[in-house]
Amino acid sequence: MIRMSKEEFDDKQFWRCPTLGGEVPFVHCRKTNDTLPCPRIIECWGRKIDVPRFLQDNYSQEELSKALRPASGRLDTIFETARKFSS
């Protein structure tokens, strides 16, 4: 079986991000969580690509445990992003 690359699906677009409320590319979803995938990546992309295989091919178990914790809400994400840029 050929290994999936991290960049393989970067140009694919998702119709609506449940966290941000707008259209986002896959690259955003795989990097949004401090360079790790969004906790909702399986929920959002599971019907379009083989996300479990993609994650297994590209991330360690430790990274996945950290990345796939429950997602924060939209306001939490906005405030967290604002704190990062104001520091």
PDB file of N, CA and C in Angstrom:
ATOM      1  N   MET A   1       0.838  -1.175   0.000  1.00  0.00           N
ATOM      2  CA  MET A   1       0.000   0.000   0.000  1.00  0.00           C
ATOM      3  C   MET A   1       0.890   1.248   0.000  1.00  0.00           C
ATOM      4  N   ILE A   2       0.571   2.172  -0.865  1.00  0.00           N
ATOM      5  CA  ILE A   2       1.349   3.411  -0.976  1.00  0.00           C
ATOM      6  C   ILE A   2       0.962   4.361   0.154  1.00  0.00           C
ATOM      7  N   ARG A   3       1.987   4.932   0.767  1.00  0.00           N
ATOM      8  CA  ARG A   3       1.804   5.868   1.881  1.00  0.00           C
ATOM      9  C   ARG A   3       1.277   7.214   1.358  1.00  0.00           C
ATOM     10  N   MET A   4       0.312   7.794   2.062  1.00  0.00           N
ATOM     11  CA  MET A   4      -0.221   9.111   1.708  1.00  0.00           C
ATOM     12  C   MET A   4       0.743  10.182   2.195  1.00  0.00           C
ATOM     13  N   SER A   5       0.965  11.207   1.391  1.00  0.00           N
ATOM     14  CA  SER A   5       1.819  12.316   1.822  1.00  0.00           C
ATOM     15  C   SER A   5       0.973  13.356   2.554  1.00  0.00           C
ATOM     16  N   LYS A   6       1.607  14.161   3.383  1.00  0.00           N
ATOM     17  CA  LYS A   6       0.887  15.201   4.115  1.00  0.00           C
ATOM     18  C   LYS A   6       0.243  16.217   3.185  1.00  0.00           C
ATOM     19  N   GLU A   7       0.890  16.502   2.065  1.00  0.00           N
ATOM     20  CA  GLU A   7       0.413  17.541   1.150  1.00  0.00           C
ATOM     21  C   GLU A   7      -0.558  17.028   0.094  1.00  0.00           C
ATOM     22  N   GLU A   8      -0.842  15.756   0.089  1.00  0.00           N
ATOM     23  CA  GLU A   8      -1.626  15.124  -0.976  1.00  0.00           C
ATOM     24  C   GLU A   8      -3.007  15.755  -1.200  1.00  0.00           C
ATOM     25  N   PHE A   9      -3.662  16.218  -0.153  1.00  0.00           N
ATOM     26  CA  PHE A   9      -5.026  16.732  -0.274  1.00  0.00           C
ATOM     27  C   PHE A   9      -5.127  18.227   0.017  1.00  0.00           C
ATOM     28  N   ASP A  10      -3.999  18.920   0.086  1.00  0.00           N
ATOM     29  CA  ASP A  10      -3.986  20.323   0.503  1.00  0.00           C
ATOM     30  C   ASP A  10      -4.868  21.246  -0.336  1.00  0.00           C
ATOM     31  N   ASP A  11      -5.053  20.942  -1.607  1.00  0.00           N
ATOM     32  CA  ASP A  11      -5.840  21.830  -2.465  1.00  0.00           C
ATOM     33  C   ASP A  11      -7.341  21.560  -2.408  1.00  0.00           C
ATOM     34  N   LYS A  12      -7.768  20.505  -1.741  1.00  0.00           N
ATOM     35  CA  LYS A  12      -9.201  20.212  -1.628  1.00  0.00           C
ATOM     36  C   LYS A  12      -9.863  21.234  -0.704  1.00  0.00           C
ATOM     37  N   GLN A  13     -11.084  21.637  -1.053  1.00  0.00           N
ATOM     38  CA  GLN A  13     -11.848  22.608  -0.271  1.00  0.00           C
ATOM     39  C   GLN A  13     -13.003  21.915   0.439  1.00  0.00           C
ATOM     40  N   PHE A  14     -13.296  22.346   1.656  1.00  0.00           N
ATOM     41  CA  PHE A  14     -14.459  21.858   2.381  1.00  0.00           C
ATOM     42  C   PHE A  14     -15.512  22.947   2.321  1.00  0.00           C
ATOM     43  N   TRP A  15     -16.738  22.598   2.147  1.00  0.00           N
ATOM     44  CA  TRP A  15     -17.783  23.605   1.946  1.00  0.00           C
ATOM     45  C   TRP A  15     -17.989  24.534   3.128  1.00  0.00           C
ATOM     46  N   ARG A  16     -17.868  24.035   4.369  1.00  0.00           N
ATOM     47  CA  ARG A  16     -18.061  24.900   5.532  1.00  0.00           C
ATOM     48  C   ARG A  16     -17.377  24.311   6.758  1.00  0.00           C
ATOM     49  N   CYS A  17     -16.495  25.087   7.347  1.00  0.00           N
ATOM     50  CA  CYS A  17     -15.812  24.676   8.572  1.00  0.00           C
ATOM     51  C   CYS A  17     -16.750  24.934   9.756  1.00  0.00           C
ATOM     52  N   PRO A  18     -17.059  23.903  10.570  1.00  0.00           N
ATOM     53  CA  PRO A  18     -17.949  24.121  11.704  1.00  0.00           C
ATOM     54  C   PRO A  18     -17.333  24.999  12.801  1.00  0.00           C
ATOM     55  N   THR A  19     -16.026  25.124  12.812  1.00  0.00           N
ATOM     56  CA  THR A  19     -15.362  25.956  13.818  1.00  0.00           C
ATOM     57  C   THR A  19     -15.285  27.413  13.377  1.00  0.00           C
ATOM     58  N   LEU A  20     -14.874  27.644  12.125  1.00  0.00           N
ATOM     59  CA  LEU A  20     -14.695  29.007  11.632  1.00  0.00           C
ATOM     60  C   LEU A  20     -15.906  29.560  10.900  1.00  0.00           C
ATOM     61  N   GLY A  21     -16.749  28.679  10.382  1.00  0.00           N
ATOM     62  CA  GLY A  21     -17.967  29.135   9.726  1.00  0.00           C
ATOM     63  C   GLY A  21     -17.819  29.457   8.255  1.00  0.00           C
ATOM     64  N   GLY A  22     -16.693  29.172   7.642  1.00  0.00           N
ATOM     65  CA  GLY A  22     -16.501  29.453   6.222  1.00  0.00           C
ATOM     66  C   GLY A  22     -15.815  28.306   5.515  1.00  0.00           C
ATOM     67  N   GLU A  23     -15.619  28.466   4.223  1.00  0.00           N
ATOM     68  CA  GLU A  23     -14.951  27.449   3.422  1.00  0.00           C
ATOM     69  C   GLU A  23     -13.453  27.451   3.725  1.00  0.00           C
ATOM     70  N   VAL A  24     -12.884  26.267   3.894  1.00  0.00           N
ATOM     71  CA  VAL A  24     -11.450  26.156   4.182  1.00  0.00           C
ATOM     72  C   VAL A  24     -10.846  25.008   3.380  1.00  0.00           C
ATOM     73  N   PRO A  25      -9.554  25.115   3.041  1.00  0.00           N
ATOM     74  CA  PRO A  25      -8.875  24.006   2.367  1.00  0.00           C
ATOM     75  C   PRO A  25      -8.399  22.971   3.392  1.00  0.00           C
ATOM     76  N   PHE A  26      -8.155  21.772   2.915  1.00  0.00           N
ATOM     77  CA  PHE A  26      -7.670  20.690   3.772  1.00  0.00           C
ATOM     78  C   PHE A  26      -6.391  21.084   4.504  1.00  0.00           C
ATOM     79  N   VAL A  27      -5.526  21.834   3.842  1.00  0.00           N
ATOM     80  CA  VAL A  27      -4.264  22.238   4.473  1.00  0.00           C
ATOM     81  C   VAL A  27      -4.523  22.985   5.792  1.00  0.00           C
ATOM     82  N   HIS A  28      -5.555  23.779   5.838  1.00  0.00           N
ATOM     83  CA  HIS A  28      -5.896  24.470   7.082  1.00  0.00           C
ATOM     84  C   HIS A  28      -6.255  23.452   8.166  1.00  0.00           C
ATOM     85  N   CYS A  29      -7.046  22.456   7.793  1.00  0.00           N
ATOM     86  CA  CYS A  29      -7.517  21.459   8.760  1.00  0.00           C
ATOM     87  C   CYS A  29      -6.392  20.578   9.283  1.00  0.00           C
ATOM     88  N   ARG A  30      -5.363  20.369   8.494  1.00  0.00           N
ATOM     89  CA  ARG A  30      -4.270  19.515   8.960  1.00  0.00           C
ATOM     90  C   ARG A  30      -3.201  20.297   9.721  1.00  0.00           C
ATOM     91  N   LYS A  31      -3.281  21.622   9.751  1.00  0.00           N
ATOM     92  CA  LYS A  31      -2.266  22.442  10.436  1.00  0.00           C
ATOM     93  C   LYS A  31      -2.823  23.352  11.524  1.00  0.00           C
ATOM     94  N   THR A  32      -4.104  23.436  11.672  1.00  0.00           N
ATOM     95  CA  THR A  32      -4.721  24.454  12.512  1.00  0.00           C
ATOM     96  C   THR A  32      -4.481  24.300  14.006  1.00  0.00           C
ATOM     97  N   ASN A  33      -4.093  23.151  14.446  1.00  0.00           N
ATOM     98  CA  ASN A  33      -3.961  22.830  15.859  1.00  0.00           C
ATOM     99  C   ASN A  33      -2.471  22.787  16.253  1.00  0.00           C
ATOM    100  N   ASP A  34      -1.814  23.948  16.226  1.00  0.00           N
ATOM    101  CA  ASP A  34      -0.367  24.018  16.501  1.00  0.00           C
ATOM    102  C   ASP A  34       0.406  23.043  15.608  1.00  0.00           C
ATOM    103  N   THR A  35       0.169  23.118  14.324  1.00  0.00           N
ATOM    104  CA  THR A  35       0.751  22.293  13.249  1.00  0.00           C
ATOM    105  C   THR A  35       0.219  20.864  13.226  1.00  0.00           C
ATOM    106  N   LEU A  36      -0.740  20.555  14.086  1.00  0.00           N
ATOM    107  CA  LEU A  36      -1.382  19.238  14.085  1.00  0.00           C
ATOM    108  C   LEU A  36      -2.794  19.371  13.525  1.00  0.00           C
ATOM    109  N   PRO A  37      -3.404  18.265  13.143  1.00  0.00           N
ATOM    110  CA  PRO A  37      -4.754  18.324  12.572  1.00  0.00           C
ATOM    111  C   PRO A  37      -5.810  18.816  13.558  1.00  0.00           C
ATOM    112  N   CYS A  38      -6.839  19.396  13.004  1.00  0.00           N
ATOM    113  CA  CYS A  38      -8.005  19.821  13.768  1.00  0.00           C
ATOM    114  C   CYS A  38      -8.690  18.593  14.363  1.00  0.00           C
ATOM    115  N   PRO A  39      -9.226  18.696  15.573  1.00  0.00           N
ATOM    116  CA  PRO A  39      -9.930  17.564  16.178  1.00  0.00           C
ATOM    117  C   PRO A  39     -11.137  17.090  15.368  1.00  0.00           C
ATOM    118  N   ARG A  40     -11.653  17.927  14.493  1.00  0.00           N
ATOM    119  CA  ARG A  40     -12.835  17.579  13.695  1.00  0.00           C
ATOM    120  C   ARG A  40     -12.482  17.069  12.292  1.00  0.00           C
ATOM    121  N   ILE A  41     -11.219  16.807  12.031  1.00  0.00           N
ATOM    122  CA  ILE A  41     -10.795  16.432  10.684  1.00  0.00           C
ATOM    123  C   ILE A  41     -11.494  15.168  10.188  1.00  0.00           C
ATOM    124  N   ILE A  42     -11.703  14.204  11.049  1.00  0.00           N
ATOM    125  CA  ILE A  42     -12.377  12.969  10.633  1.00  0.00           C
ATOM    126  C   ILE A  42     -13.841  13.247  10.331  1.00  0.00           C
ATOM    127  N   GLU A  43     -14.487  13.992  11.196  1.00  0.00           N
ATOM    128  CA  GLU A  43     -15.898  14.347  11.019  1.00  0.00           C
ATOM    129  C   GLU A  43     -16.113  15.127   9.718  1.00  0.00           C
ATOM    130  N   CYS A  44     -15.263  16.073   9.445  1.00  0.00           N
ATOM    131  CA  CYS A  44     -15.448  16.943   8.282  1.00  0.00           C
ATOM    132  C   CYS A  44     -15.022  16.306   6.959  1.00  0.00           C
ATOM    133  N   TRP A  45     -13.936  15.569   6.974  1.00  0.00           N
ATOM    134  CA  TRP A  45     -13.359  15.063   5.727  1.00  0.00           C
ATOM    135  C   TRP A  45     -13.570  13.568   5.497  1.00  0.00           C
ATOM    136  N   GLY A  46     -14.138  12.871   6.460  1.00  0.00           N
ATOM    137  CA  GLY A  46     -14.259  11.419   6.389  1.00  0.00           C
ATOM    138  C   GLY A  46     -15.011  10.874   5.190  1.00  0.00           C
ATOM    139  N   ARG A  47     -15.912  11.642   4.625  1.00  0.00           N
ATOM    140  CA  ARG A  47     -16.661  11.178   3.447  1.00  0.00           C
ATOM    141  C   ARG A  47     -15.942  11.488   2.142  1.00  0.00           C
ATOM    142  N   LYS A  48     -14.908  12.307   2.209  1.00  0.00           N
ATOM    143  CA  LYS A  48     -14.207  12.713   0.992  1.00  0.00           C
ATOM    144  C   LYS A  48     -12.875  11.990   0.787  1.00  0.00           C
ATOM    145  N   ILE A  49     -12.181  11.688   1.904  1.00  0.00           N
ATOM    146  CA  ILE A  49     -10.890  11.000   1.817  1.00  0.00           C
ATOM    147  C   ILE A  49     -10.782   9.994   2.962  1.00  0.00           C
ATOM    148  N   ASP A  50      -9.813   9.111   2.870  1.00  0.00           N
ATOM    149  CA  ASP A  50      -9.573   8.123   3.918  1.00  0.00           C
ATOM    150  C   ASP A  50      -8.754   8.784   5.034  1.00  0.00           C
ATOM    151  N   VAL A  51      -9.419   9.538   5.877  1.00  0.00           N
ATOM    152  CA  VAL A  51      -8.736  10.317   6.920  1.00  0.00           C
ATOM    153  C   VAL A  51      -7.997   9.436   7.928  1.00  0.00           C
ATOM    154  N   PRO A  52      -8.592   8.347   8.427  1.00  0.00           N
ATOM    155  CA  PRO A  52      -7.837   7.515   9.371  1.00  0.00           C
ATOM    156  C   PRO A  52      -6.504   7.033   8.787  1.00  0.00           C
ATOM    157  N   ARG A  53      -6.514   6.633   7.544  1.00  0.00           N
ATOM    158  CA  ARG A  53      -5.262   6.190   6.910  1.00  0.00           C
ATOM    159  C   ARG A  53      -4.292   7.366   6.744  1.00  0.00           C
ATOM    160  N   PHE A  54      -4.798   8.512   6.327  1.00  0.00           N
ATOM    161  CA  PHE A  54      -3.962   9.704   6.189  1.00  0.00           C
ATOM    162  C   PHE A  54      -3.289  10.033   7.521  1.00  0.00           C
ATOM    163  N   LEU A  55      -4.060  10.022   8.605  1.00  0.00           N
ATOM    164  CA  LEU A  55      -3.510  10.343   9.921  1.00  0.00           C
ATOM    165  C   LEU A  55      -2.475   9.315  10.359  1.00  0.00           C
ATOM    166  N   GLN A  56      -2.772   8.051  10.149  1.00  0.00           N
ATOM    167  CA  GLN A  56      -1.839   6.980  10.524  1.00  0.00           C
ATOM    168  C   GLN A  56      -0.533   7.080   9.735  1.00  0.00           C
ATOM    169  N   ASP A  57      -0.626   7.444   8.458  1.00  0.00           N
ATOM    170  CA  ASP A  57       0.563   7.550   7.612  1.00  0.00           C
ATOM    171  C   ASP A  57       1.440   8.749   7.956  1.00  0.00           C
ATOM    172  N   ASN A  58       0.857   9.779   8.591  1.00  0.00           N
ATOM    173  CA  ASN A  58       1.586  11.031   8.737  1.00  0.00           C
ATOM    174  C   ASN A  58       1.825  11.528  10.156  1.00  0.00           C
ATOM    175  N   TYR A  59       1.237  10.866  11.151  1.00  0.00           N
ATOM    176  CA  TYR A  59       1.379  11.353  12.532  1.00  0.00           C
ATOM    177  C   TYR A  59       1.623  10.194  13.485  1.00  0.00           C
ATOM    178  N   SER A  60       2.366  10.473  14.544  1.00  0.00           N
ATOM    179  CA  SER A  60       2.608   9.466  15.579  1.00  0.00           C
ATOM    180  C   SER A  60       1.367   9.348  16.468  1.00  0.00           C
ATOM    181  N   GLN A  61       1.301   8.289  17.253  1.00  0.00           N
ATOM    182  CA  GLN A  61       0.183   8.106  18.196  1.00  0.00           C
ATOM    183  C   GLN A  61       0.132   9.263  19.194  1.00  0.00           C
ATOM    184  N   GLU A  62       1.281   9.720  19.639  1.00  0.00           N
ATOM    185  CA  GLU A  62       1.344  10.844  20.580  1.00  0.00           C
ATOM    186  C   GLU A  62       0.762  12.109  19.951  1.00  0.00           C
ATOM    187  N   GLU A  63       1.138  12.389  18.710  1.00  0.00           N
ATOM    188  CA  GLU A  63       0.605  13.561  18.015  1.00  0.00           C
ATOM    189  C   GLU A  63      -0.902  13.451  17.841  1.00  0.00           C
ATOM    190  N   LEU A  64      -1.377  12.266  17.479  1.00  0.00           N
ATOM    191  CA  LEU A  64      -2.814  12.077  17.282  1.00  0.00           C
ATOM    192  C   LEU A  64      -3.584  12.214  18.591  1.00  0.00           C
ATOM    193  N   SER A  65      -3.040  11.714  19.674  1.00  0.00           N
ATOM    194  CA  SER A  65      -3.704  11.862  20.978  1.00  0.00           C
ATOM    195  C   SER A  65      -3.858  13.332  21.334  1.00  0.00           C
ATOM    196  N   LYS A  66      -2.833  14.095  21.074  1.00  0.00           N
ATOM    197  CA  LYS A  66      -2.880  15.536  21.349  1.00  0.00           C
ATOM    198  C   LYS A  66      -3.838  16.243  20.389  1.00  0.00           C
ATOM    199  N   ALA A  67      -3.763  15.903  19.117  1.00  0.00           N
ATOM    200  CA  ALA A  67      -4.545  16.593  18.097  1.00  0.00           C
ATOM    201  C   ALA A  67      -6.031  16.307  18.161  1.00  0.00           C
ATOM    202  N   LEU A  68      -6.410  15.091  18.484  1.00  0.00           N
ATOM    203  CA  LEU A  68      -7.805  14.694  18.380  1.00  0.00           C
ATOM    204  C   LEU A  68      -8.600  14.843  19.673  1.00  0.00           C
ATOM    205  N   ARG A  69      -8.076  15.649  20.593  1.00  0.00           N
ATOM    206  CA  ARG A  69      -8.866  16.002  21.774  1.00  0.00           C
ATOM    207  C   ARG A  69     -10.100  16.770  21.299  1.00  0.00           C
ATOM    208  N   PRO A  70     -11.162  16.816  22.084  1.00  0.00           N
ATOM    209  CA  PRO A  70     -12.369  17.548  21.662  1.00  0.00           C
ATOM    210  C   PRO A  70     -12.053  18.993  21.270  1.00  0.00           C
ATOM    211  N   ALA A  71     -12.710  19.425  20.216  1.00  0.00           N
ATOM    212  CA  ALA A  71     -12.481  20.774  19.682  1.00  0.00           C
ATOM    213  C   ALA A  71     -13.098  21.836  20.579  1.00  0.00           C
ATOM    214  N   SER A  72     -12.486  23.007  20.570  1.00  0.00           N
ATOM    215  CA  SER A  72     -13.062  24.138  21.282  1.00  0.00           C
ATOM    216  C   SER A  72     -14.087  24.803  20.367  1.00  0.00           C
ATOM    217  N   GLY A  73     -14.924  25.613  20.939  1.00  0.00           N
ATOM    218  CA  GLY A  73     -15.946  26.316  20.165  1.00  0.00           C
ATOM    219  C   GLY A  73     -15.352  27.459  19.355  1.00  0.00           C
ATOM    220  N   ARG A  74     -16.172  28.049  18.516  1.00  0.00           N
ATOM    221  CA  ARG A  74     -15.723  29.127  17.632  1.00  0.00           C
ATOM    222  C   ARG A  74     -15.162  30.309  18.413  1.00  0.00           C
ATOM    223  N   LEU A  75     -15.859  30.752  19.467  1.00  0.00           N
ATOM    224  CA  LEU A  75     -15.365  31.890  20.248  1.00  0.00           C
ATOM    225  C   LEU A  75     -14.051  31.567  20.942  1.00  0.00           C
ATOM    226  N   ASP A  76     -13.938  30.371  21.489  1.00  0.00           N
ATOM    227  CA  ASP A  76     -12.673  29.962  22.115  1.00  0.00           C
ATOM    228  C   ASP A  76     -11.533  30.014  21.104  1.00  0.00           C
ATOM    229  N   THR A  77     -11.799  29.549  19.885  1.00  0.00           N
ATOM    230  CA  THR A  77     -10.790  29.569  18.831  1.00  0.00           C
ATOM    231  C   THR A  77     -10.389  31.002  18.488  1.00  0.00           C
ATOM    232  N   ILE A  78     -11.359  31.891  18.390  1.00  0.00           N
ATOM    233  CA  ILE A  78     -11.077  33.300  18.068  1.00  0.00           C
ATOM    234  C   ILE A  78     -10.230  33.934  19.160  1.00  0.00           C
ATOM    235  N   PHE A  79     -10.610  33.717  20.422  1.00  0.00           N
ATOM    236  CA  PHE A  79      -9.841  34.295  21.537  1.00  0.00           C
ATOM    237  C   PHE A  79      -8.447  33.702  21.628  1.00  0.00           C
ATOM    238  N   GLU A  80      -8.321  32.406  21.409  1.00  0.00           N
ATOM    239  CA  GLU A  80      -7.014  31.753  21.448  1.00  0.00           C
ATOM    240  C   GLU A  80      -6.104  32.312  20.356  1.00  0.00           C
ATOM    241  N   THR A  81      -6.646  32.494  19.170  1.00  0.00           N
ATOM    242  CA  THR A  81      -5.878  33.056  18.057  1.00  0.00           C
ATOM    243  C   THR A  81      -5.470  34.494  18.379  1.00  0.00           C
ATOM    244  N   ALA A  82      -6.369  35.279  18.926  1.00  0.00           N
ATOM    245  CA  ALA A  82      -6.061  36.666  19.294  1.00  0.00           C
ATOM    246  C   ALA A  82      -4.955  36.715  20.336  1.00  0.00           C
ATOM    247  N   ARG A  83      -4.993  35.813  21.325  1.00  0.00           N
ATOM    248  CA  ARG A  83      -3.931  35.772  22.349  1.00  0.00           C
ATOM    249  C   ARG A  83      -2.577  35.451  21.729  1.00  0.00           C
ATOM    250  N   LYS A  84      -2.546  34.530  20.764  1.00  0.00           N
ATOM    251  CA  LYS A  84      -1.300  34.174  20.121  1.00  0.00           C
ATOM    252  C   LYS A  84      -0.678  35.360  19.398  1.00  0.00           C
ATOM    253  N   PHE A  85      -1.517  36.153  18.739  1.00  0.00           N
ATOM    254  CA  PHE A  85      -0.993  37.270  17.965  1.00  0.00           C
ATOM    255  C   PHE A  85      -0.707  38.506  18.810  1.00  0.00           C
ATOM    256  N   SER A  86      -1.293  38.589  19.997  1.00  0.00           N
ATOM    257  CA  SER A  86      -1.065  39.772  20.850  1.00  0.00           C
ATOM    258  C   SER A  86       0.151  39.591  21.747  1.00  0.00           C
ATOM    259  N   SER A  87       0.679  38.392  21.822  1.00  0.00           N
ATOM    260  CA  SER A  87       1.827  38.135  22.697  1.00  0.00           C
ATOM    261  C   SER A  87       3.113  38.658  22.118  1.00  0.00           C
TER     262      SER A  87
END
